[in-house]
Amino acid sequence: MVPDKQLKFDNAAVHNACVTKEFFQENNITLLDHPACSPDLNPIENIWGWMAREVYKNGHQFQTVDALREAMFNTWSNVPTSLLETLASSMPKRLFEVINKNGGATHY
């Protein structure tokens, strides 16, 4: 039988989750109780939306996968700092709204 300590490091998702939870607990990190996979609390969803609008701006279509890939990487490299700052600063409002809606949909 393999000791429990070793089982936690075998890269199985459930074991990694235990390690993560232990880390947070050992380091006195309080996690927010929010709906799983909530797009309202995941600003990267806003960035993906911005990127899609930029890549396909003016109805642009791509003839090759390589051309689309290049446009995506170029767009990713040019995400405006102001967008990132706006999304980061909106987190307290997002949290407040999700709490007030009991995990329901928000305007974000």
PDB file of N, CA and C in Angstrom:
ATOM      1  N   MET A   1       0.846  -1.185   0.000  1.00  0.00           N
ATOM      2  CA  MET A   1       0.000   0.000   0.000  1.00  0.00           C
ATOM      3  C   MET A   1       0.887   1.243   0.000  1.00  0.00           C
ATOM      4  N   VAL A   2       0.520   2.243  -0.829  1.00  0.00           N
ATOM      5  CA  VAL A   2       1.276   3.479  -0.921  1.00  0.00           C
ATOM      6  C   VAL A   2       0.762   4.442   0.140  1.00  0.00           C
ATOM      7  N   PRO A   3       1.651   5.059   0.911  1.00  0.00           N
ATOM      8  CA  PRO A   3       1.198   6.031   1.928  1.00  0.00           C
ATOM      9  C   PRO A   3       0.405   7.174   1.294  1.00  0.00           C
ATOM     10  N   ASP A   4      -0.542   7.727   2.066  1.00  0.00           N
ATOM     11  CA  ASP A   4      -1.396   8.815   1.582  1.00  0.00           C
ATOM     12  C   ASP A   4      -0.598   9.986   1.019  1.00  0.00           C
ATOM     13  N   LYS A   5       0.492  10.345   1.683  1.00  0.00           N
ATOM     14  CA  LYS A   5       1.286  11.486   1.231  1.00  0.00           C
ATOM     15  C   LYS A   5       1.692  11.324  -0.227  1.00  0.00           C
ATOM     16  N   GLN A   6       2.078  10.140  -0.627  1.00  0.00           N
ATOM     17  CA  GLN A   6       2.506   9.918  -2.003  1.00  0.00           C
ATOM     18  C   GLN A   6       1.321   9.952  -2.961  1.00  0.00           C
ATOM     19  N   LEU A   7       0.182   9.508  -2.530  1.00  0.00           N
ATOM     20  CA  LEU A   7      -0.998   9.507  -3.391  1.00  0.00           C
ATOM     21  C   LEU A   7      -1.393  10.921  -3.804  1.00  0.00           C
ATOM     22  N   LYS A   8      -1.121  11.871  -2.967  1.00  0.00           N
ATOM     23  CA  LYS A   8      -1.514  13.239  -3.248  1.00  0.00           C
ATOM     24  C   LYS A   8      -0.710  13.860  -4.384  1.00  0.00           C
ATOM     25  N   PHE A   9       0.370  13.261  -4.754  1.00  0.00           N
ATOM     26  CA  PHE A   9       1.235  13.845  -5.767  1.00  0.00           C
ATOM     27  C   PHE A   9       1.279  13.025  -7.043  1.00  0.00           C
ATOM     28  N   ASP A  10       0.222  12.256  -7.320  1.00  0.00           N
ATOM     29  CA  ASP A  10       0.248  11.415  -8.511  1.00  0.00           C
ATOM     30  C   ASP A  10      -0.420  12.084  -9.713  1.00  0.00           C
ATOM     31  N   ASN A  11      -0.692  13.368  -9.632  1.00  0.00           N
ATOM     32  CA  ASN A  11      -1.270  14.180 -10.705  1.00  0.00           C
ATOM     33  C   ASN A  11      -2.736  13.890 -11.018  1.00  0.00           C
ATOM     34  N   ALA A  12      -3.386  13.042 -10.247  1.00  0.00           N
ATOM     35  CA  ALA A  12      -4.823  12.872 -10.416  1.00  0.00           C
ATOM     36  C   ALA A  12      -5.503  14.150  -9.943  1.00  0.00           C
ATOM     37  N   ALA A  13      -6.518  14.604 -10.673  1.00  0.00           N
ATOM     38  CA  ALA A  13      -7.169  15.879 -10.361  1.00  0.00           C
ATOM     39  C   ALA A  13      -7.662  15.946  -8.920  1.00  0.00           C
ATOM     40  N   VAL A  14      -8.253  14.858  -8.424  1.00  0.00           N
ATOM     41  CA  VAL A  14      -8.791  14.887  -7.063  1.00  0.00           C
ATOM     42  C   VAL A  14      -7.676  15.032  -6.036  1.00  0.00           C
ATOM     43  N   HIS A  15      -6.524  14.469  -6.323  1.00  0.00           N
ATOM     44  CA  HIS A  15      -5.418  14.590  -5.381  1.00  0.00           C
ATOM     45  C   HIS A  15      -4.803  15.974  -5.447  1.00  0.00           C
ATOM     46  N   ASN A  16      -4.717  16.524  -6.622  1.00  0.00           N
ATOM     47  CA  ASN A  16      -4.205  17.886  -6.743  1.00  0.00           C
ATOM     48  C   ASN A  16      -5.118  18.858  -6.023  1.00  0.00           C
ATOM     49  N   ALA A  17      -6.406  18.635  -6.093  1.00  0.00           N
ATOM     50  CA  ALA A  17      -7.347  19.515  -5.407  1.00  0.00           C
ATOM     51  C   ALA A  17      -7.110  19.463  -3.899  1.00  0.00           C
ATOM     52  N   CYS A  18      -6.837  18.295  -3.367  1.00  0.00           N
ATOM     53  CA  CYS A  18      -6.560  18.164  -1.933  1.00  0.00           C
ATOM     54  C   CYS A  18      -5.301  18.932  -1.562  1.00  0.00           C
ATOM     55  N   VAL A  19      -4.279  18.808  -2.379  1.00  0.00           N
ATOM     56  CA  VAL A  19      -3.032  19.522  -2.120  1.00  0.00           C
ATOM     57  C   VAL A  19      -3.277  21.025  -2.137  1.00  0.00           C
ATOM     58  N   THR A  20      -4.059  21.479  -3.098  1.00  0.00           N
ATOM     59  CA  THR A  20      -4.367  22.902  -3.202  1.00  0.00           C
ATOM     60  C   THR A  20      -5.124  23.378  -1.973  1.00  0.00           C
ATOM     61  N   LYS A  21      -6.137  22.632  -1.573  1.00  0.00           N
ATOM     62  CA  LYS A  21      -6.918  23.012  -0.393  1.00  0.00           C
ATOM     63  C   LYS A  21      -6.043  23.051   0.855  1.00  0.00           C
ATOM     64  N   GLU A  22      -5.158  22.071   0.994  1.00  0.00           N
ATOM     65  CA  GLU A  22      -4.252  22.052   2.142  1.00  0.00           C
ATOM     66  C   GLU A  22      -3.326  23.267   2.134  1.00  0.00           C
ATOM     67  N   PHE A  23      -2.832  23.620   0.957  1.00  0.00           N
ATOM     68  CA  PHE A  23      -1.962  24.790   0.845  1.00  0.00           C
ATOM     69  C   PHE A  23      -2.684  26.045   1.333  1.00  0.00           C
ATOM     70  N   PHE A  24      -3.912  26.240   0.846  1.00  0.00           N
ATOM     71  CA  PHE A  24      -4.677  27.415   1.253  1.00  0.00           C
ATOM     72  C   PHE A  24      -4.901  27.411   2.767  1.00  0.00           C
ATOM     73  N   GLN A  25      -5.250  26.252   3.306  1.00  0.00           N
ATOM     74  CA  GLN A  25      -5.516  26.160   4.739  1.00  0.00           C
ATOM     75  C   GLN A  25      -4.241  26.415   5.550  1.00  0.00           C
ATOM     76  N   GLU A  26      -3.141  25.793   5.149  1.00  0.00           N
ATOM     77  CA  GLU A  26      -1.872  25.960   5.874  1.00  0.00           C
ATOM     78  C   GLU A  26      -1.359  27.403   5.823  1.00  0.00           C
ATOM     79  N   ASN A  27      -1.729  28.132   4.764  1.00  0.00           N
ATOM     80  CA  ASN A  27      -1.246  29.499   4.595  1.00  0.00           C
ATOM     81  C   ASN A  27      -2.305  30.538   4.948  1.00  0.00           C
ATOM     82  N   ASN A  28      -3.361  30.103   5.633  1.00  0.00           N
ATOM     83  CA  ASN A  28      -4.436  30.998   6.087  1.00  0.00           C
ATOM     84  C   ASN A  28      -5.010  31.847   4.959  1.00  0.00           C
ATOM     85  N   ILE A  29      -5.237  31.213   3.814  1.00  0.00           N
ATOM     86  CA  ILE A  29      -5.836  31.895   2.670  1.00  0.00           C
ATOM     87  C   ILE A  29      -7.313  31.552   2.650  1.00  0.00           C
ATOM     88  N   THR A  30      -8.149  32.575   2.757  1.00  0.00           N
ATOM     89  CA  THR A  30      -9.589  32.375   2.746  1.00  0.00           C
ATOM     90  C   THR A  30     -10.088  32.434   1.315  1.00  0.00           C
ATOM     91  N   LEU A  31     -10.796  31.416   0.911  1.00  0.00           N
ATOM     92  CA  LEU A  31     -11.352  31.379  -0.437  1.00  0.00           C
ATOM     93  C   LEU A  31     -12.749  31.959  -0.432  1.00  0.00           C
ATOM     94  N   LEU A  32     -13.101  32.596  -1.527  1.00  0.00           N
ATOM     95  CA  LEU A  32     -14.440  33.155  -1.659  1.00  0.00           C
ATOM     96  C   LEU A  32     -15.414  32.048  -2.027  1.00  0.00           C
ATOM     97  N   ASP A  33     -16.565  32.081  -1.422  1.00  0.00           N
ATOM     98  CA  ASP A  33     -17.606  31.111  -1.736  1.00  0.00           C
ATOM     99  C   ASP A  33     -18.423  31.683  -2.879  1.00  0.00           C
ATOM    100  N   HIS A  34     -18.205  31.176  -4.077  1.00  0.00           N
ATOM    101  CA  HIS A  34     -18.944  31.677  -5.236  1.00  0.00           C
ATOM    102  C   HIS A  34     -19.300  30.519  -6.156  1.00  0.00           C
ATOM    103  N   PRO A  35     -20.244  30.739  -7.056  1.00  0.00           N
ATOM    104  CA  PRO A  35     -20.669  29.669  -7.946  1.00  0.00           C
ATOM    105  C   PRO A  35     -19.495  29.148  -8.782  1.00  0.00           C
ATOM    106  N   ALA A  36     -19.447  27.847  -8.966  1.00  0.00           N
ATOM    107  CA  ALA A  36     -18.388  27.241  -9.777  1.00  0.00           C
ATOM    108  C   ALA A  36     -18.483  27.744 -11.211  1.00  0.00           C
ATOM    109  N   CYS A  37     -17.350  28.030 -11.789  1.00  0.00           N
ATOM    110  CA  CYS A  37     -17.260  28.433 -13.209  1.00  0.00           C
ATOM    111  C   CYS A  37     -18.100  29.661 -13.541  1.00  0.00           C
ATOM    112  N   SER A  38     -18.264  30.564 -12.604  1.00  0.00           N
ATOM    113  CA  SER A  38     -19.072  31.752 -12.834  1.00  0.00           C
ATOM    114  C   SER A  38     -18.366  32.712 -13.785  1.00  0.00           C
ATOM    115  N   PRO A  39     -18.917  32.936 -14.988  1.00  0.00           N
ATOM    116  CA  PRO A  39     -18.289  33.880 -15.906  1.00  0.00           C
ATOM    117  C   PRO A  39     -18.301  35.308 -15.363  1.00  0.00           C
ATOM    118  N   ASP A  40     -19.235  35.602 -14.451  1.00  0.00           N
ATOM    119  CA  ASP A  40     -19.295  36.933 -13.856  1.00  0.00           C
ATOM    120  C   ASP A  40     -18.068  37.208 -12.997  1.00  0.00           C
ATOM    121  N   LEU A  41     -17.437  36.161 -12.494  1.00  0.00           N
ATOM    122  CA  LEU A  41     -16.275  36.327 -11.637  1.00  0.00           C
ATOM    123  C   LEU A  41     -14.991  35.912 -12.344  1.00  0.00           C
ATOM    124  N   ASN A  42     -15.051  35.750 -13.640  1.00  0.00           N
ATOM    125  CA  ASN A  42     -13.895  35.303 -14.403  1.00  0.00           C
ATOM    126  C   ASN A  42     -13.601  36.314 -15.507  1.00  0.00           C
ATOM    127  N   PRO A  43     -12.812  37.341 -15.222  1.00  0.00           N
ATOM    128  CA  PRO A  43     -12.562  38.404 -16.202  1.00  0.00           C
ATOM    129  C   PRO A  43     -11.934  37.921 -17.505  1.00  0.00           C
ATOM    130  N   ILE A  44     -11.310  36.737 -17.511  1.00  0.00           N
ATOM    131  CA  ILE A  44     -10.714  36.256 -18.760  1.00  0.00           C
ATOM    132  C   ILE A  44     -11.797  36.092 -19.828  1.00  0.00           C
ATOM    133  N   GLU A  45     -13.034  35.818 -19.413  1.00  0.00           N
ATOM    134  CA  GLU A  45     -14.136  35.704 -20.372  1.00  0.00           C
ATOM    135  C   GLU A  45     -14.332  37.026 -21.115  1.00  0.00           C
ATOM    136  N   ASN A  46     -14.167  38.140 -20.405  1.00  0.00           N
ATOM    137  CA  ASN A  46     -14.274  39.446 -21.050  1.00  0.00           C
ATOM    138  C   ASN A  46     -13.136  39.666 -22.040  1.00  0.00           C
ATOM    139  N   ILE A  47     -11.958  39.188 -21.681  1.00  0.00           N
ATOM    140  CA  ILE A  47     -10.812  39.328 -22.587  1.00  0.00           C
ATOM    141  C   ILE A  47     -11.019  38.484 -23.834  1.00  0.00           C
ATOM    142  N   TRP A  48     -11.526  37.247 -23.681  1.00  0.00           N
ATOM    143  CA  TRP A  48     -11.801  36.398 -24.860  1.00  0.00           C
ATOM    144  C   TRP A  48     -12.807  37.095 -25.766  1.00  0.00           C
ATOM    145  N   GLY A  49     -13.839  37.694 -25.190  1.00  0.00           N
ATOM    146  CA  GLY A  49     -14.837  38.402 -25.993  1.00  0.00           C
ATOM    147  C   GLY A  49     -14.228  39.576 -26.735  1.00  0.00           C
ATOM    148  N   TRP A  50     -13.389  40.341 -26.037  1.00  0.00           N
ATOM    149  CA  TRP A  50     -12.712  41.472 -26.679  1.00  0.00           C
ATOM    150  C   TRP A  50     -11.836  40.982 -27.819  1.00  0.00           C
ATOM    151  N   MET A  51     -11.107  39.897 -27.567  1.00  0.00           N
ATOM    152  CA  MET A  51     -10.222  39.357 -28.608  1.00  0.00           C
ATOM    153  C   MET A  51     -11.006  38.904 -29.835  1.00  0.00           C
ATOM    154  N   ALA A  52     -12.114  38.208 -29.618  1.00  0.00           N
ATOM    155  CA  ALA A  52     -12.924  37.740 -30.750  1.00  0.00           C
ATOM    156  C   ALA A  52     -13.413  38.921 -31.578  1.00  0.00           C
ATOM    157  N   ARG A  53     -13.863  39.981 -30.894  1.00  0.00           N
ATOM    158  CA  ARG A  53     -14.325  41.163 -31.636  1.00  0.00           C
ATOM    159  C   ARG A  53     -13.188  41.795 -32.424  1.00  0.00           C
ATOM    160  N   GLU A  54     -11.985  41.838 -31.841  1.00  0.00           N
ATOM    161  CA  GLU A  54     -10.831  42.411 -32.533  1.00  0.00           C
ATOM    162  C   GLU A  54     -10.400  41.558 -33.724  1.00  0.00           C
ATOM    163  N   VAL A  55     -10.301  40.257 -33.518  1.00  0.00           N
ATOM    164  CA  VAL A  55      -9.831  39.352 -34.580  1.00  0.00           C
ATOM    165  C   VAL A  55     -10.784  39.382 -35.779  1.00  0.00           C
ATOM    166  N   TYR A  56     -12.086  39.408 -35.494  1.00  0.00           N
ATOM    167  CA  TYR A  56     -13.078  39.364 -36.578  1.00  0.00           C
ATOM    168  C   TYR A  56     -13.659  40.736 -36.895  1.00  0.00           C
ATOM    169  N   LYS A  57     -12.952  41.804 -36.497  1.00  0.00           N
ATOM    170  CA  LYS A  57     -13.418  43.168 -36.734  1.00  0.00           C
ATOM    171  C   LYS A  57     -13.736  43.383 -38.211  1.00  0.00           C
ATOM    172  N   ASN A  58     -14.802  44.111 -38.464  1.00  0.00           N
ATOM    173  CA  ASN A  58     -15.246  44.428 -39.829  1.00  0.00           C
ATOM    174  C   ASN A  58     -15.548  43.175 -40.650  1.00  0.00           C
ATOM    175  N   GLY A  59     -15.968  42.106 -39.971  1.00  0.00           N
ATOM    176  CA  GLY A  59     -16.350  40.882 -40.674  1.00  0.00           C
ATOM    177  C   GLY A  59     -15.179  40.122 -41.277  1.00  0.00           C
ATOM    178  N   HIS A  60     -13.975  40.391 -40.798  1.00  0.00           N
ATOM    179  CA  HIS A  60     -12.783  39.750 -41.355  1.00  0.00           C
ATOM    180  C   HIS A  60     -12.874  38.231 -41.252  1.00  0.00           C
ATOM    181  N   GLN A  61     -12.594  37.543 -42.333  1.00  0.00           N
ATOM    182  CA  GLN A  61     -12.544  36.085 -42.374  1.00  0.00           C
ATOM    183  C   GLN A  61     -11.125  35.669 -42.749  1.00  0.00           C
ATOM    184  N   PHE A  62     -10.723  34.505 -42.321  1.00  0.00           N
ATOM    185  CA  PHE A  62      -9.366  34.030 -42.557  1.00  0.00           C
ATOM    186  C   PHE A  62      -9.371  32.865 -43.525  1.00  0.00           C
ATOM    187  N   GLN A  63      -8.393  32.861 -44.403  1.00  0.00           N
ATOM    188  CA  GLN A  63      -8.295  31.819 -45.426  1.00  0.00           C
ATOM    189  C   GLN A  63      -7.554  30.586 -44.928  1.00  0.00           C
ATOM    190  N   THR A  64      -6.699  30.759 -43.931  1.00  0.00           N
ATOM    191  CA  THR A  64      -5.929  29.628 -43.420  1.00  0.00           C
ATOM    192  C   THR A  64      -5.918  29.648 -41.887  1.00  0.00           C
ATOM    193  N   VAL A  65      -5.666  28.494 -41.333  1.00  0.00           N
ATOM    194  CA  VAL A  65      -5.537  28.389 -39.882  1.00  0.00           C
ATOM    195  C   VAL A  65      -4.344  29.208 -39.417  1.00  0.00           C
ATOM    196  N   ASP A  66      -3.277  29.200 -40.197  1.00  0.00           N
ATOM    197  CA  ASP A  66      -2.092  29.973 -39.824  1.00  0.00           C
ATOM    198  C   ASP A  66      -2.391  31.473 -39.761  1.00  0.00           C
ATOM    199  N   ALA A  67      -3.192  31.959 -40.687  1.00  0.00           N
ATOM    200  CA  ALA A  67      -3.546  33.382 -40.678  1.00  0.00           C
ATOM    201  C   ALA A  67      -4.385  33.715 -39.448  1.00  0.00           C
ATOM    202  N   LEU A  68      -5.313  32.842 -39.098  1.00  0.00           N
ATOM    203  CA  LEU A  68      -6.126  33.048 -37.894  1.00  0.00           C
ATOM    204  C   LEU A  68      -5.243  32.988 -36.656  1.00  0.00           C
ATOM    205  N   ARG A  69      -4.354  32.010 -36.589  1.00  0.00           N
ATOM    206  CA  ARG A  69      -3.447  31.872 -35.450  1.00  0.00           C
ATOM    207  C   ARG A  69      -2.600  33.135 -35.282  1.00  0.00           C
ATOM    208  N   GLU A  70      -2.073  33.648 -36.381  1.00  0.00           N
ATOM    209  CA  GLU A  70      -1.258  34.861 -36.326  1.00  0.00           C
ATOM    210  C   GLU A  70      -2.075  36.041 -35.800  1.00  0.00           C
ATOM    211  N   ALA A  71      -3.308  36.177 -36.292  1.00  0.00           N
ATOM    212  CA  ALA A  71      -4.172  37.268 -35.827  1.00  0.00           C
ATOM    213  C   ALA A  71      -4.474  37.132 -34.338  1.00  0.00           C
ATOM    214  N   MET A  72      -4.699  35.907 -33.890  1.00  0.00           N
ATOM    215  CA  MET A  72      -4.997  35.675 -32.472  1.00  0.00           C
ATOM    216  C   MET A  72      -3.792  36.025 -31.599  1.00  0.00           C
ATOM    217  N   PHE A  73      -2.615  35.575 -31.986  1.00  0.00           N
ATOM    218  CA  PHE A  73      -1.422  35.877 -31.195  1.00  0.00           C
ATOM    219  C   PHE A  73      -1.117  37.374 -31.212  1.00  0.00           C
ATOM    220  N   ASN A  74      -1.308  37.999 -32.351  1.00  0.00           N
ATOM    221  CA  ASN A  74      -1.080  39.442 -32.443  1.00  0.00           C
ATOM    222  C   ASN A  74      -2.054  40.198 -31.540  1.00  0.00           C
ATOM    223  N   THR A  75      -3.307  39.784 -31.567  1.00  0.00           N
ATOM    224  CA  THR A  75      -4.322  40.432 -30.731  1.00  0.00           C
ATOM    225  C   THR A  75      -4.012  40.213 -29.257  1.00  0.00           C
ATOM    226  N   TRP A  76      -3.646  38.981 -28.883  1.00  0.00           N
ATOM    227  CA  TRP A  76      -3.308  38.674 -27.492  1.00  0.00           C
ATOM    228  C   TRP A  76      -2.149  39.548 -27.022  1.00  0.00           C
ATOM    229  N   SER A  77      -1.178  39.762 -27.891  1.00  0.00           N
ATOM    230  CA  SER A  77      -0.006  40.577 -27.545  1.00  0.00           C
ATOM    231  C   SER A  77      -0.347  42.051 -27.377  1.00  0.00           C
ATOM    232  N   ASN A  78      -1.521  42.446 -27.864  1.00  0.00           N
ATOM    233  CA  ASN A  78      -1.895  43.863 -27.824  1.00  0.00           C
ATOM    234  C   ASN A  78      -3.129  44.144 -26.977  1.00  0.00           C
ATOM    235  N   VAL A  79      -3.405  43.272 -26.018  1.00  0.00           N
ATOM    236  CA  VAL A  79      -4.516  43.547 -25.100  1.00  0.00           C
ATOM    237  C   VAL A  79      -4.155  44.833 -24.356  1.00  0.00           C
ATOM    238  N   PRO A  80      -5.020  45.829 -24.423  1.00  0.00           N
ATOM    239  CA  PRO A  80      -4.700  47.107 -23.773  1.00  0.00           C
ATOM    240  C   PRO A  80      -4.584  46.977 -22.254  1.00  0.00           C
ATOM    241  N   THR A  81      -3.582  47.601 -21.716  1.00  0.00           N
ATOM    242  CA  THR A  81      -3.395  47.621 -20.270  1.00  0.00           C
ATOM    243  C   THR A  81      -4.638  48.197 -19.595  1.00  0.00           C
ATOM    244  N   SER A  82      -5.253  49.169 -20.226  1.00  0.00           N
ATOM    245  CA  SER A  82      -6.452  49.792 -19.636  1.00  0.00           C
ATOM    246  C   SER A  82      -7.590  48.780 -19.476  1.00  0.00           C
ATOM    247  N   LEU A  83      -7.710  47.829 -20.415  1.00  0.00           N
ATOM    248  CA  LEU A  83      -8.737  46.792 -20.300  1.00  0.00           C
ATOM    249  C   LEU A  83      -8.449  45.917 -19.087  1.00  0.00           C
ATOM    250  N   LEU A  84      -7.208  45.519 -18.930  1.00  0.00           N
ATOM    251  CA  LEU A  84      -6.820  44.685 -17.793  1.00  0.00           C
ATOM    252  C   LEU A  84      -7.055  45.420 -16.475  1.00  0.00           C
ATOM    253  N   GLU A  85      -6.714  46.699 -16.428  1.00  0.00           N
ATOM    254  CA  GLU A  85      -6.923  47.487 -15.219  1.00  0.00           C
ATOM    255  C   GLU A  85      -8.404  47.630 -14.897  1.00  0.00           C
ATOM    256  N   THR A  86      -9.209  47.864 -15.932  1.00  0.00           N
ATOM    257  CA  THR A  86     -10.659  47.997 -15.734  1.00  0.00           C
ATOM    258  C   THR A  86     -11.253  46.698 -15.193  1.00  0.00           C
ATOM    259  N   LEU A  87     -10.841  45.572 -15.770  1.00  0.00           N
ATOM    260  CA  LEU A  87     -11.365  44.284 -15.308  1.00  0.00           C
ATOM    261  C   LEU A  87     -10.940  43.995 -13.871  1.00  0.00           C
ATOM    262  N   ALA A  88      -9.683  44.269 -13.562  1.00  0.00           N
ATOM    263  CA  ALA A  88      -9.205  44.036 -12.191  1.00  0.00           C
ATOM    264  C   ALA A  88      -9.946  44.926 -11.196  1.00  0.00           C
ATOM    265  N   SER A  89     -10.127  46.184 -11.542  1.00  0.00           N
ATOM    266  CA  SER A  89     -10.787  47.095 -10.607  1.00  0.00           C
ATOM    267  C   SER A  89     -12.290  46.833 -10.489  1.00  0.00           C
ATOM    268  N   SER A  90     -12.856  46.091 -11.428  1.00  0.00           N
ATOM    269  CA  SER A  90     -14.291  45.790 -11.361  1.00  0.00           C
ATOM    270  C   SER A  90     -14.599  44.600 -10.446  1.00  0.00           C
ATOM    271  N   MET A  91     -13.579  43.889  -9.980  1.00  0.00           N
ATOM    272  CA  MET A  91     -13.825  42.684  -9.184  1.00  0.00           C
ATOM    273  C   MET A  91     -14.642  42.926  -7.914  1.00  0.00           C
ATOM    274  N   PRO A  92     -14.374  43.961  -7.135  1.00  0.00           N
ATOM    275  CA  PRO A  92     -15.220  44.167  -5.953  1.00  0.00           C
ATOM    276  C   PRO A  92     -16.699  44.345  -6.314  1.00  0.00           C
ATOM    277  N   LYS A  93     -16.973  45.084  -7.386  1.00  0.00           N
ATOM    278  CA  LYS A  93     -18.364  45.276  -7.816  1.00  0.00           C
ATOM    279  C   LYS A  93     -18.964  43.958  -8.295  1.00  0.00           C
ATOM    280  N   ARG A  94     -18.180  43.167  -9.019  1.00  0.00           N
ATOM    281  CA  ARG A  94     -18.650  41.861  -9.497  1.00  0.00           C
ATOM    282  C   ARG A  94     -19.022  40.961  -8.321  1.00  0.00           C
ATOM    283  N   LEU A  95     -18.136  40.909  -7.330  1.00  0.00           N
ATOM    284  CA  LEU A  95     -18.384  40.082  -6.150  1.00  0.00           C
ATOM    285  C   LEU A  95     -19.651  40.530  -5.432  1.00  0.00           C
ATOM    286  N   PHE A  96     -19.781  41.826  -5.230  1.00  0.00           N
ATOM    287  CA  PHE A  96     -20.946  42.370  -4.543  1.00  0.00           C
ATOM    288  C   PHE A  96     -22.231  41.997  -5.282  1.00  0.00           C
ATOM    289  N   GLU A  97     -22.209  42.140  -6.620  1.00  0.00           N
ATOM    290  CA  GLU A  97     -23.408  41.851  -7.398  1.00  0.00           C
ATOM    291  C   GLU A  97     -23.757  40.364  -7.380  1.00  0.00           C
ATOM    292  N   VAL A  98     -22.761  39.504  -7.472  1.00  0.00           N
ATOM    293  CA  VAL A  98     -23.019  38.054  -7.417  1.00  0.00           C
ATOM    294  C   VAL A  98     -23.603  37.676  -6.064  1.00  0.00           C
ATOM    295  N   ILE A  99     -23.065  38.265  -4.998  1.00  0.00           N
ATOM    296  CA  ILE A  99     -23.601  37.990  -3.658  1.00  0.00           C
ATOM    297  C   ILE A  99     -25.042  38.466  -3.558  1.00  0.00           C
ATOM    298  N   ASN A 100     -25.319  39.684  -4.043  1.00  0.00           N
ATOM    299  CA  ASN A 100     -26.686  40.218  -3.979  1.00  0.00           C
ATOM    300  C   ASN A 100     -27.666  39.422  -4.817  1.00  0.00           C
ATOM    301  N   LYS A 101     -27.184  38.796  -5.876  1.00  0.00           N
ATOM    302  CA  LYS A 101     -28.057  37.988  -6.751  1.00  0.00           C
ATOM    303  C   LYS A 101     -28.061  36.538  -6.345  1.00  0.00           C
ATOM    304  N   ASN A 102     -27.468  36.229  -5.178  1.00  0.00           N
ATOM    305  CA  ASN A 102     -27.379  34.854  -4.690  1.00  0.00           C
ATOM    306  C   ASN A 102     -26.819  33.900  -5.735  1.00  0.00           C
ATOM    307  N   GLY A 103     -25.796  34.354  -6.428  1.00  0.00           N
ATOM    308  CA  GLY A 103     -25.150  33.506  -7.438  1.00  0.00           C
ATOM    309  C   GLY A 103     -25.814  33.550  -8.791  1.00  0.00           C
ATOM    310  N   GLY A 104     -26.884  34.328  -8.926  1.00  0.00           N
ATOM    311  CA  GLY A 104     -27.577  34.427 -10.216  1.00  0.00           C
ATOM    312  C   GLY A 104     -26.819  35.323 -11.193  1.00  0.00           C
ATOM    313  N   ALA A 105     -27.378  35.456 -12.358  1.00  0.00           N
ATOM    314  CA  ALA A 105     -26.750  36.232 -13.435  1.00  0.00           C
ATOM    315  C   ALA A 105     -26.631  37.706 -13.052  1.00  0.00           C
ATOM    316  N   THR A 106     -25.553  38.315 -13.488  1.00  0.00           N
ATOM    317  CA  THR A 106     -25.335  39.745 -13.269  1.00  0.00           C
ATOM    318  C   THR A 106     -25.207  40.420 -14.618  1.00  0.00           C
ATOM    319  N   HIS A 107     -24.992  41.730 -14.605  1.00  0.00           N
ATOM    320  CA  HIS A 107     -24.852  42.434 -15.881  1.00  0.00           C
ATOM    321  C   HIS A 107     -23.434  42.316 -16.440  1.00  0.00           C
ATOM    322  N   TYR A 108     -22.561  41.605 -15.729  1.00  0.00           N
ATOM    323  CA  TYR A 108     -21.202  41.420 -16.213  1.00  0.00           C
ATOM    324  C   TYR A 108     -21.171  40.269 -17.181  1.00  0.00           C
TER     325      TYR A 108
END
